[in-house]
Amino acid sequence: MAKINTLTKELISIPSYVDGLTNESKIGQYIYDFLKTNSKLKVQKQYCTNDRFNVIATNGKSVDVLVVGHIDTVQPSKSWSINPFIPKISKGNLYGLGSSDMKSGVATMLSSAIDPKLKSNTMFLFYIDEEYDFLGMKTFVREYQDKIKPKKIISLDGSNLSISNGCRGLIEIDVTIKGKSAHAARPSKGINAISKSYIIINNLFNWLGNYVSSDLGQTVYNLAYIFGGQYKDKTSDGLILGKQGNIIPDICQFIIDIRPSRNELTAIKVKDFIYKEADKQSVEIFDFKIRHSLGSWLTPKDQLNLDI
């Protein structure tokens, strides 16, 4: 446990969020060097871009067990009360960006990889970009989908110190609603895109409540972003909107993250629902983007084999 705690602290101290200046290359290099120094595994970098790469480590010619974990984190928030890259223990808890999701899991993977009792034909995949667009996993699947057939796949991205046998999916949509601008003194002449979007979003969330799984629970959702006002222009960087109080806003953009617990809930179904709701509210869909559309998965408990 002490070694895992030390590794987790070291991993936290290496920023691995993704923006224009920072990515996973430094933490990837740390993992690569650690495995090359401390294990007898065959270690390689799998490049996804010019400077971003997965780290793959194996100890056999075939793969019976595939252990996976992502090495990126979400971007840090200004609301942190401590430096997110200086790990701190308080009341028995370790704090730092990625401490739970999932640098403690990565530390466990590294500790397992150097264990002399590690079973042969094990592969470790440390992959990038899980919190963004899954570039690392997509790259891995393209290269290895016809090369390996693991009997077991284990992800150490979890919580509550428990073993799970399934995971909700991911749907992310970016929607822009168009209403009608008018002077605020004559509201009947306009259609408030922000108010109508609120109705559409609320109806969507109520509808999503119908999708419940006995194994994975309730479908959950998050209104992650909303932006509205008087439409002025659109550039490659996004919408340019006015914010005068006396003008009815004719544009509203919102981003929603949905974690479906049942596979029949798809991004296309969500899109159809929103279009129908927009029609009911007499607004237009100015733009609709599907960023992610991934279904849930479940391994029946009677098929779980925990002997690794």
Protein backbone atom coordinates (compact mmCIF):
# COMPACT_ATOMS: atom_id res chain seq x y z
CA MET A 1 0.00 0.00 0.00
CA ALA A 2 2.82 2.39 0.86
CA LYS A 3 4.33 1.98 -2.61
CA ILE A 4 0.96 2.66 -4.27
CA ASN A 5 0.50 5.80 -2.17
CA THR A 6 3.96 7.03 -3.19
CA LEU A 7 3.29 6.29 -6.86
CA THR A 8 -0.07 8.04 -6.70
CA LYS A 9 1.54 11.16 -5.25
CA GLU A 10 4.20 11.16 -7.95
CA LEU A 11 1.59 10.76 -10.69
CA ILE A 12 -0.56 13.59 -9.26
CA SER A 13 2.45 15.91 -9.37
CA ILE A 14 2.66 15.48 -13.17
CA PRO A 15 -0.10 17.52 -14.87
CA SER A 16 -1.83 15.41 -17.54
CA TYR A 17 -4.92 17.37 -18.48
CA VAL A 18 -5.26 18.38 -22.12
CA ASP A 19 -5.36 21.91 -23.53
CA GLY A 20 -3.23 23.94 -25.91
CA LEU A 21 -0.17 23.82 -23.64
CA THR A 22 -0.44 20.62 -21.59
CA ASN A 23 -1.07 16.97 -22.44
CA GLU A 24 -0.16 13.45 -21.27
CA SER A 25 3.32 13.22 -22.78
CA LYS A 26 5.20 13.85 -19.51
CA ILE A 27 3.23 11.35 -17.48
CA GLY A 28 3.46 8.88 -20.35
CA GLN A 29 7.24 9.22 -20.30
CA TYR A 30 7.25 8.72 -16.51
CA ILE A 31 5.24 5.48 -16.88
CA TYR A 32 7.43 4.27 -19.76
CA ASP A 33 10.66 4.91 -17.81
CA PHE A 34 9.27 3.35 -14.64
CA LEU A 35 8.35 0.13 -16.41
CA LYS A 36 11.61 -0.05 -18.35
CA THR A 37 13.57 0.38 -15.11
CA ASN A 38 11.53 -1.72 -12.69
CA SER A 39 10.01 -4.53 -14.73
CA LYS A 40 10.96 -7.21 -17.22
CA LEU A 41 7.98 -6.42 -19.42
CA LYS A 42 8.25 -5.49 -23.08
CA VAL A 43 7.35 -1.80 -23.05
CA GLN A 44 6.46 0.34 -26.05
CA LYS A 45 4.97 3.68 -26.94
CA GLN A 46 2.00 3.71 -29.26
CA TYR A 47 1.85 7.16 -30.79
CA CYS A 48 -1.58 8.70 -31.33
CA THR A 49 -0.27 12.13 -32.41
CA ASN A 50 3.23 13.51 -32.91
CA ASP A 51 3.77 13.88 -29.14
CA ARG A 52 0.93 12.00 -27.41
CA PHE A 53 1.16 8.26 -26.92
CA ASN A 54 -0.24 5.24 -25.13
CA VAL A 55 2.12 3.02 -23.14
CA ILE A 56 1.73 -0.73 -23.68
CA ALA A 57 3.53 -3.35 -21.60
CA THR A 58 3.36 -7.14 -22.06
CA ASN A 59 4.95 -10.30 -20.69
CA GLY A 60 3.93 -12.91 -23.21
CA LYS A 61 3.36 -13.71 -26.86
CA SER A 62 -0.42 -13.82 -26.38
CA VAL A 63 -2.78 -11.85 -24.15
CA ASP A 64 -5.02 -13.62 -21.65
CA VAL A 65 -5.60 -10.61 -19.40
CA LEU A 66 -5.76 -6.99 -20.56
CA VAL A 67 -5.52 -4.37 -17.79
CA VAL A 68 -6.45 -0.84 -18.85
CA GLY A 69 -6.34 2.62 -17.36
CA HIS A 70 -6.27 6.18 -18.67
CA ILE A 71 -3.49 8.61 -17.80
CA ASP A 72 -5.22 11.93 -18.53
CA THR A 73 -7.37 13.99 -16.17
CA VAL A 74 -10.03 16.65 -16.55
CA GLN A 75 -8.80 20.23 -16.69
CA PRO A 76 -8.17 21.90 -13.32
CA SER A 77 -10.72 24.34 -11.96
CA LYS A 78 -9.95 27.73 -10.42
CA SER A 79 -12.14 26.69 -7.48
CA TRP A 80 -9.42 24.40 -6.07
CA SER A 81 -8.55 25.52 -2.52
CA ILE A 82 -5.11 23.86 -2.74
CA ASN A 83 -2.60 23.40 -5.53
CA PRO A 84 -4.09 20.45 -7.48
CA PHE A 85 -0.62 19.21 -8.44
CA ILE A 86 0.83 19.09 -4.92
CA PRO A 87 -0.65 15.96 -3.32
CA LYS A 88 -1.93 16.50 0.20
CA ILE A 89 -3.16 14.02 2.81
CA SER A 90 -5.87 15.31 5.13
CA LYS A 91 -7.88 13.17 7.57
CA GLY A 92 -6.74 10.01 5.87
CA ASN A 93 -7.68 11.16 2.36
CA LEU A 94 -5.27 11.97 -0.47
CA TYR A 95 -6.16 15.13 -2.40
CA GLY A 96 -4.88 16.16 -5.82
CA LEU A 97 -6.17 16.35 -9.38
CA GLY A 98 -6.74 12.80 -10.59
CA SER A 99 -6.25 11.17 -7.18
CA SER A 100 -9.42 9.13 -7.72
CA ASP A 101 -9.89 9.39 -11.49
CA MET A 102 -7.61 7.67 -12.00
CA LYS A 103 -4.02 8.11 -10.88
CA SER A 104 -4.53 5.81 -7.90
CA GLY A 105 -5.69 3.20 -10.41
CA VAL A 106 -2.65 3.83 -12.59
CA ALA A 107 -0.42 3.49 -9.51
CA THR A 108 -2.06 0.14 -8.81
CA MET A 109 -1.39 -0.93 -12.40
CA LEU A 110 2.28 0.02 -12.08
CA SER A 111 2.57 -1.82 -8.78
CA SER A 112 1.00 -4.92 -10.33
CA ALA A 113 3.22 -4.70 -13.43
CA ILE A 114 6.40 -5.00 -11.35
CA ASP A 115 5.05 -7.79 -9.12
CA PRO A 116 7.28 -10.88 -9.57
CA LYS A 117 4.14 -13.05 -9.23
CA LEU A 118 2.48 -11.43 -12.24
CA LYS A 119 0.95 -14.10 -14.44
CA SER A 120 2.30 -14.50 -17.97
CA ASN A 121 0.35 -13.30 -20.99
CA THR A 122 -0.75 -10.10 -19.27
CA MET A 123 -0.94 -6.79 -21.13
CA PHE A 124 -1.14 -3.36 -19.53
CA LEU A 125 -2.56 -0.46 -21.53
CA PHE A 126 -2.01 3.06 -20.21
CA TYR A 127 -4.02 5.17 -22.65
CA ILE A 128 -4.54 8.88 -23.30
CA ASP A 129 -7.51 11.18 -23.92
CA GLU A 130 -10.24 9.30 -22.03
CA GLU A 131 -11.67 12.53 -20.59
CA TYR A 132 -11.86 14.17 -24.01
CA ASP A 133 -12.37 12.22 -27.26
CA PHE A 134 -11.02 8.70 -26.56
CA LEU A 135 -8.16 9.13 -29.02
CA GLY A 136 -5.94 6.69 -27.12
CA MET A 137 -8.47 3.87 -26.96
CA LYS A 138 -9.49 4.37 -30.60
CA THR A 139 -5.84 4.12 -31.66
CA PHE A 140 -5.32 0.97 -29.59
CA VAL A 141 -8.44 -0.74 -30.93
CA ARG A 142 -7.54 0.02 -34.54
CA GLU A 143 -4.15 -1.67 -34.16
CA TYR A 144 -5.00 -4.55 -31.82
CA GLN A 145 -8.59 -5.57 -32.54
CA ASP A 146 -7.42 -8.41 -34.79
CA LYS A 147 -4.19 -9.16 -32.92
CA ILE A 148 -5.37 -10.08 -29.43
CA LYS A 149 -8.32 -11.93 -27.92
CA PRO A 150 -8.08 -11.48 -24.15
CA LYS A 151 -10.10 -13.79 -21.94
CA LYS A 152 -10.51 -10.99 -19.46
CA ILE A 153 -10.41 -7.18 -19.60
CA ILE A 154 -9.97 -5.31 -16.34
CA SER A 155 -10.34 -1.56 -15.98
CA LEU A 156 -9.05 0.05 -12.79
CA ASP A 157 -11.08 3.21 -13.43
CA GLY A 158 -13.64 2.91 -10.65
CA SER A 159 -14.69 4.05 -7.21
CA ASN A 160 -15.97 2.94 -3.80
CA LEU A 161 -13.29 0.22 -3.58
CA SER A 162 -15.68 -2.24 -5.20
CA ILE A 163 -15.68 -4.47 -8.27
CA SER A 164 -18.23 -3.49 -10.90
CA ASN A 165 -19.50 -5.58 -13.77
CA GLY A 166 -20.84 -2.86 -16.02
CA CYS A 167 -20.75 0.78 -16.97
CA ARG A 168 -23.18 3.38 -18.23
CA GLY A 169 -22.63 4.70 -21.74
CA LEU A 170 -21.95 8.25 -22.87
CA ILE A 171 -23.98 10.60 -25.05
CA GLU A 172 -22.84 14.18 -25.44
CA ILE A 173 -24.81 16.68 -27.52
CA ASP A 174 -24.26 20.34 -28.40
CA VAL A 175 -27.52 22.07 -29.35
CA THR A 176 -28.25 25.62 -30.50
CA ILE A 177 -31.86 26.82 -30.43
CA LYS A 178 -33.11 29.77 -32.53
CA GLY A 179 -36.06 31.86 -31.42
CA LYS A 180 -37.08 35.35 -32.48
CA SER A 181 -35.61 38.65 -31.35
CA ALA A 182 -37.78 41.60 -30.37
CA HIS A 183 -37.86 44.49 -27.92
CA ALA A 184 -38.33 43.36 -24.33
CA ALA A 185 -41.25 45.80 -23.94
CA ARG A 186 -43.20 43.78 -26.51
CA PRO A 187 -42.54 40.13 -25.56
CA SER A 188 -45.39 38.81 -27.70
CA LYS A 189 -43.43 39.86 -30.79
CA GLY A 190 -40.47 37.62 -29.96
CA ILE A 191 -39.63 34.06 -28.92
CA ASN A 192 -37.15 33.84 -26.05
CA ALA A 193 -34.63 31.15 -27.04
CA ILE A 194 -33.28 30.85 -23.50
CA SER A 195 -36.71 30.35 -21.91
CA LYS A 196 -37.73 27.85 -24.59
CA SER A 197 -34.45 25.97 -24.18
CA TYR A 198 -35.15 25.65 -20.46
CA ILE A 199 -38.50 24.03 -21.22
CA ILE A 200 -36.95 21.67 -23.78
CA ILE A 201 -34.14 20.69 -21.39
CA ASN A 202 -36.54 20.11 -18.50
CA ASN A 203 -38.78 17.93 -20.67
CA LEU A 204 -35.73 16.02 -21.90
CA PHE A 205 -34.58 15.31 -18.35
CA ASN A 206 -38.04 14.11 -17.36
CA TRP A 207 -38.08 11.79 -20.40
CA LEU A 208 -34.63 10.41 -19.58
CA GLY A 209 -36.04 9.32 -16.24
CA ASN A 210 -37.81 6.48 -18.08
CA TYR A 211 -34.48 4.80 -18.81
CA VAL A 212 -33.61 2.81 -15.71
CA SER A 213 -31.64 -0.44 -15.46
CA SER A 214 -31.93 -2.94 -12.62
CA ASP A 215 -28.14 -3.42 -12.84
CA LEU A 216 -26.81 0.03 -13.74
CA GLY A 217 -29.48 2.15 -12.12
CA GLN A 218 -30.83 5.47 -13.34
CA THR A 219 -29.70 7.17 -16.52
CA VAL A 220 -27.96 10.34 -15.32
CA TYR A 221 -27.40 13.64 -17.07
CA ASN A 222 -25.61 16.95 -16.73
CA LEU A 223 -26.38 20.35 -18.21
CA ALA A 224 -22.72 21.26 -18.65
CA TYR A 225 -22.95 24.57 -20.53
CA ILE A 226 -25.57 27.15 -21.54
CA PHE A 227 -25.06 30.42 -23.41
CA GLY A 228 -27.70 32.72 -24.84
CA GLY A 229 -28.36 36.20 -26.14
CA GLN A 230 -28.97 38.27 -29.25
CA TYR A 231 -27.39 36.65 -32.29
CA LYS A 232 -24.72 38.84 -33.90
CA ASP A 233 -22.32 36.48 -35.67
CA LYS A 234 -20.73 33.06 -35.72
CA THR A 235 -16.98 32.44 -36.06
CA SER A 236 -14.73 29.40 -35.85
CA ASP A 237 -14.38 30.18 -32.14
CA GLY A 238 -18.14 30.10 -31.55
CA LEU A 239 -21.17 32.34 -31.33
CA ILE A 240 -20.99 36.09 -30.85
CA LEU A 241 -24.02 37.16 -28.84
CA GLY A 242 -25.25 40.44 -27.43
CA LYS A 243 -26.43 40.73 -23.84
CA GLN A 244 -28.65 43.80 -23.79
CA GLY A 245 -31.39 43.51 -21.20
CA ASN A 246 -34.00 45.13 -23.43
CA ILE A 247 -33.66 42.62 -26.28
CA ILE A 248 -35.36 39.24 -26.30
CA PRO A 249 -32.60 36.65 -26.92
CA ASP A 250 -33.02 34.71 -30.13
CA ILE A 251 -30.18 32.21 -29.66
CA CYS A 252 -29.37 29.70 -26.92
CA GLN A 253 -26.64 27.06 -27.01
CA PHE A 254 -26.40 24.24 -24.49
CA ILE A 255 -24.28 21.12 -24.00
CA ILE A 256 -25.67 18.07 -22.22
CA ASP A 257 -23.79 14.98 -21.05
CA ILE A 258 -25.97 11.86 -20.69
CA ARG A 259 -24.88 8.55 -19.16
CA PRO A 260 -27.43 5.97 -20.43
CA SER A 261 -27.92 2.87 -18.33
CA ARG A 262 -29.82 1.10 -21.12
CA ASN A 263 -28.53 0.49 -24.63
CA GLU A 264 -31.80 1.38 -26.36
CA LEU A 265 -31.22 5.01 -25.39
CA THR A 266 -29.12 6.38 -28.25
CA ALA A 267 -27.98 9.81 -29.40
CA ILE A 268 -30.36 9.57 -32.36
CA LYS A 269 -33.31 9.01 -30.02
CA VAL A 270 -32.24 12.03 -27.97
CA LYS A 271 -31.93 14.09 -31.14
CA ASP A 272 -35.41 13.07 -32.34
CA PHE A 273 -36.89 13.98 -28.96
CA ILE A 274 -35.28 17.44 -28.95
CA TYR A 275 -36.41 18.19 -32.51
CA LYS A 276 -40.00 17.29 -31.60
CA GLU A 277 -39.84 19.43 -28.47
CA ALA A 278 -38.40 22.35 -30.43
CA ASP A 279 -41.31 22.11 -32.85
CA LYS A 280 -43.77 22.18 -29.94
CA GLN A 281 -42.10 25.32 -28.59
CA SER A 282 -42.08 27.05 -32.01
CA VAL A 283 -38.30 27.35 -32.15
CA GLU A 284 -35.79 26.09 -34.71
CA ILE A 285 -32.72 23.93 -34.28
CA PHE A 286 -29.96 26.27 -35.42
CA ASP A 287 -27.26 23.64 -34.91
CA PHE A 288 -27.06 20.11 -33.48
CA LYS A 289 -23.83 18.20 -32.91
CA ILE A 290 -23.37 14.71 -31.48
CA ARG A 291 -19.92 14.53 -29.89
CA HIS A 292 -20.24 11.08 -28.33
CA SER A 293 -22.67 8.20 -28.74
CA LEU A 294 -21.54 5.17 -26.74
CA GLY A 295 -23.78 2.48 -25.31
CA SER A 296 -23.67 0.93 -21.86
CA TRP A 297 -22.17 -2.51 -21.26
CA LEU A 298 -22.77 -5.22 -18.73
CA THR A 299 -21.12 -8.56 -17.94
CA PRO A 300 -23.63 -10.79 -16.12
CA LYS A 301 -22.42 -11.50 -12.59
CA ASP A 302 -22.60 -15.25 -13.12
CA GLN A 303 -20.05 -14.87 -15.91
CA LEU A 304 -17.50 -12.98 -13.83
CA ASN A 305 -14.23 -14.77 -13.19
CA LEU A 306 -12.24 -12.87 -10.59
CA ASP A 307 -9.26 -15.23 -10.65
CA ILE A 308 -6.50 -13.33 -12.46
